[in-house]
Structures are given as C-alpha cells and as structure tokens.
C-alpha atoms as a PDB file:
ATOM      1  CA  MET A   1       1.064  12.280 -12.708  1.00  0.00           C
ATOM      2  CA  THR A   2      -0.338  15.104 -11.165  1.00  0.00           C
ATOM      3  CA  HIS A   3      -3.968  16.655 -11.096  1.00  0.00           C
ATOM      4  CA  ILE A   4      -5.664  19.318  -9.685  1.00  0.00           C
ATOM      5  CA  ILE A   5      -9.264  18.235  -7.717  1.00  0.00           C
ATOM      6  CA  GLN A   6     -11.659  20.047  -6.105  1.00  0.00           C
ATOM      7  CA  VAL A   7     -13.367  19.384  -2.280  1.00  0.00           C
ATOM      8  CA  GLY A   8     -16.787  19.306  -2.719  1.00  0.00           C
ATOM      9  CA  PRO A   9     -19.080  21.073  -0.581  1.00  0.00           C
ATOM     10  CA  ASN A  10     -19.437  18.163   1.924  1.00  0.00           C
ATOM     11  CA  GLY A  11     -15.634  17.699   2.129  1.00  0.00           C
ATOM     12  CA  SER A  12     -15.178  14.976  -0.150  1.00  0.00           C
ATOM     13  CA  LEU A  13     -12.590  14.235  -2.995  1.00  0.00           C
ATOM     14  CA  ILE A  14     -13.547  13.041  -6.799  1.00  0.00           C
ATOM     15  CA  LEU A  15     -10.707  11.194  -7.912  1.00  0.00           C
ATOM     16  CA  PRO A  16     -10.178  11.941 -11.709  1.00  0.00           C
ATOM     17  CA  LYS A  17     -11.138   8.749 -13.764  1.00  0.00           C
ATOM     18  CA  ALA A  18      -7.394   7.984 -15.158  1.00  0.00           C
ATOM     19  CA  ILE A  19      -6.761   7.422 -10.415  1.00  0.00           C
ATOM     20  CA  ARG A  20     -10.184   5.570  -9.650  1.00  0.00           C
ATOM     21  CA  SER A  21      -9.444   2.966 -12.192  1.00  0.00           C
ATOM     22  CA  ARG A  22      -5.650   1.936 -10.110  1.00  0.00           C
ATOM     23  CA  PHE A  23      -8.149   0.976  -7.674  1.00  0.00           C
ATOM     24  CA  LYS A  24     -10.940  -1.878  -6.762  1.00  0.00           C
ATOM     25  CA  PRO A  25     -13.841  -2.033  -4.384  1.00  0.00           C
ATOM     26  CA  ASN A  26     -12.887  -2.298  -0.440  1.00  0.00           C
ATOM     27  CA  ASP A  27      -8.884  -1.341  -1.569  1.00  0.00           C
ATOM     28  CA  GLU A  28      -7.479  -0.602   1.271  1.00  0.00           C
ATOM     29  CA  VAL A  29      -6.027   2.943   1.003  1.00  0.00           C
ATOM     30  CA  LEU A  30      -3.224   5.046   3.477  1.00  0.00           C
ATOM     31  CA  VAL A  31      -3.744   8.874   3.865  1.00  0.00           C
ATOM     32  CA  PHE A  32      -1.016  10.683   5.180  1.00  0.00           C
ATOM     33  CA  VAL A  33      -0.925  14.181   5.792  1.00  0.00           C
ATOM     34  CA  SER A  34       1.667  17.194   7.013  1.00  0.00           C
ATOM     35  CA  LYS A  35       0.551  20.279   7.136  1.00  0.00           C
ATOM     36  CA  ASP A  36      -0.530  21.391   3.603  1.00  0.00           C
ATOM     37  CA  THR A  37       0.125  18.391   1.906  1.00  0.00           C
ATOM     38  CA  VAL A  38      -2.305  14.645   1.403  1.00  0.00           C
ATOM     39  CA  VAL A  39      -0.727  11.610   0.041  1.00  0.00           C
ATOM     40  CA  LEU A  40      -2.933   8.396  -0.845  1.00  0.00           C
ATOM     41  CA  LYS A  41      -0.889   5.195  -0.896  1.00  0.00           C
ATOM     42  CA  LYS A  42      -2.500   1.706  -1.960  1.00  0.00           C
ATOM     43  CA  LEU A  43      -1.855  -0.824   0.173  1.00  0.00           C
ATOM     44  CA  HIS A  44      -0.927  -4.433  -0.292  1.00  0.00           C
ATOM     45  CA  HIS A  45      -0.810  -6.153   2.263  1.00  0.00           C
ATOM     46  CA  ALA A  46       1.497  -9.851   2.133  1.00  0.00           C
ATOM     47  CA  LYS A  47      -0.416 -12.926   2.350  1.00  0.00           C
ATOM     48  CA  LEU A  48       1.584 -15.521   4.439  1.00  0.00           C
ATOM     49  CA  SER A  49       1.275 -17.717   1.577  1.00  0.00           C
ATOM     50  CA  GLU A  50       3.312 -15.492  -0.324  1.00  0.00           C
ATOM     51  CA  LEU A  51       6.307 -15.564   2.500  1.00  0.00           C
ATOM     52  CA  SER A  52       6.384 -19.258   3.630  1.00  0.00           C
ATOM     53  CA  HIS A  53       7.842 -20.754   0.810  1.00  0.00           C
ATOM     54  CA  ARG A  54      10.892 -18.813   2.409  1.00  0.00           C
ATOM     55  CA  THR A  55      10.981 -20.608   5.877  1.00  0.00           C
ATOM     56  CA  LYS A  56      11.467 -24.528   3.717  1.00  0.00           C
ATOM     57  CA  GLY A  57       9.869 -25.796   6.005  1.00  0.00           C
ATOM     58  CA  ARG A  58      11.136 -25.045   9.351  1.00  0.00           C
ATOM     59  CA  ALA A  59      10.289 -22.659  12.220  1.00  0.00           C
ATOM     60  CA  MET A  60      11.908 -19.058  12.196  1.00  0.00           C
ATOM     61  CA  PRO A  61      12.726 -17.106  14.869  1.00  0.00           C
ATOM     62  CA  MET A  62      10.752 -13.390  15.282  1.00  0.00           C
ATOM     63  CA  HIS A  63      14.340 -11.377  13.896  1.00  0.00           C
ATOM     64  CA  GLY A  64      13.635 -13.657  10.990  1.00  0.00           C
ATOM     65  CA  ILE A  65      10.549 -12.691  10.242  1.00  0.00           C
ATOM     66  CA  VAL A  66      10.980  -9.205  10.756  1.00  0.00           C
ATOM     67  CA  ASN A  67      13.627  -9.474   7.948  1.00  0.00           C
ATOM     68  CA  GLU A  68      11.169 -11.474   5.707  1.00  0.00           C
ATOM     69  CA  ILE A  69       8.833  -9.068   6.284  1.00  0.00           C
ATOM     70  CA  ARG A  70      10.971  -5.777   5.297  1.00  0.00           C
ATOM     71  CA  ARG A  71      12.909  -7.963   2.384  1.00  0.00           C
ATOM     72  CA  TYR A  72       9.089  -8.592   1.046  1.00  0.00           C
ATOM     73  CA  ARG A  73       8.333  -4.591   1.532  1.00  0.00           C
ATOM     74  CA  GLN A  74      11.575  -3.955  -0.099  1.00  0.00           C
ATOM     75  CA  GLU A  75      10.837  -6.163  -3.280  1.00  0.00           C
ATOM     76  CA  ARG A  76       7.112  -4.796  -3.535  1.00  0.00           C
ATOM     77  CA  LYS A  77       8.664  -1.000  -3.601  1.00  0.00           C
ATOM     78  CA  SER A  78      10.584  -2.091  -6.191  1.00  0.00           C
ATOM     79  CA  LEU A  79       8.182  -2.936  -8.601  1.00  0.00           C
ATOM     80  CA  SER A  80       5.960  -0.335  -8.263  1.00  0.00           C
END
C-alpha cells in the first residue's frame, strides 16, 4: 500500500485513515530515516508470559534467552 501525503505547515504528517486505523492510542512506532527515506514500523513487544511457556519451568542461560527472543521475533515477522 502506497500513499502520498503532505507535510503540514508545522511539520506534522497526517496519515490517511487506512493507515491510522492500524494503530491504537499509545502504540509505539519506530521511525527509520535514511537520506530521503522515512519508514514507520509499528512495534510489537514480546510479553514475558508469551515466552516463558517455552522454558518448561527450568532456568535458561543468557544465550538461550537470546535465542528464544530471536525465534519469537522471527515468528512474529512471518505472521506480518
């Protein structure tokens, strides 16, 4: 989906309703800027409760936690 929008006099951007409807109040959005490109990405924070079921009640070393977070992010990315 591509839209053309204008920058308002105070520098604000007004997103079309089709885009705004994808966000809820207080959603966090990552803004990536590189030269003349601006990318907005809605952030999805993993809840510890969603990750904890994978540990099966045992302690995990740090590298195990990092691997689980990577796996979780890959799953979320494939669902987007």
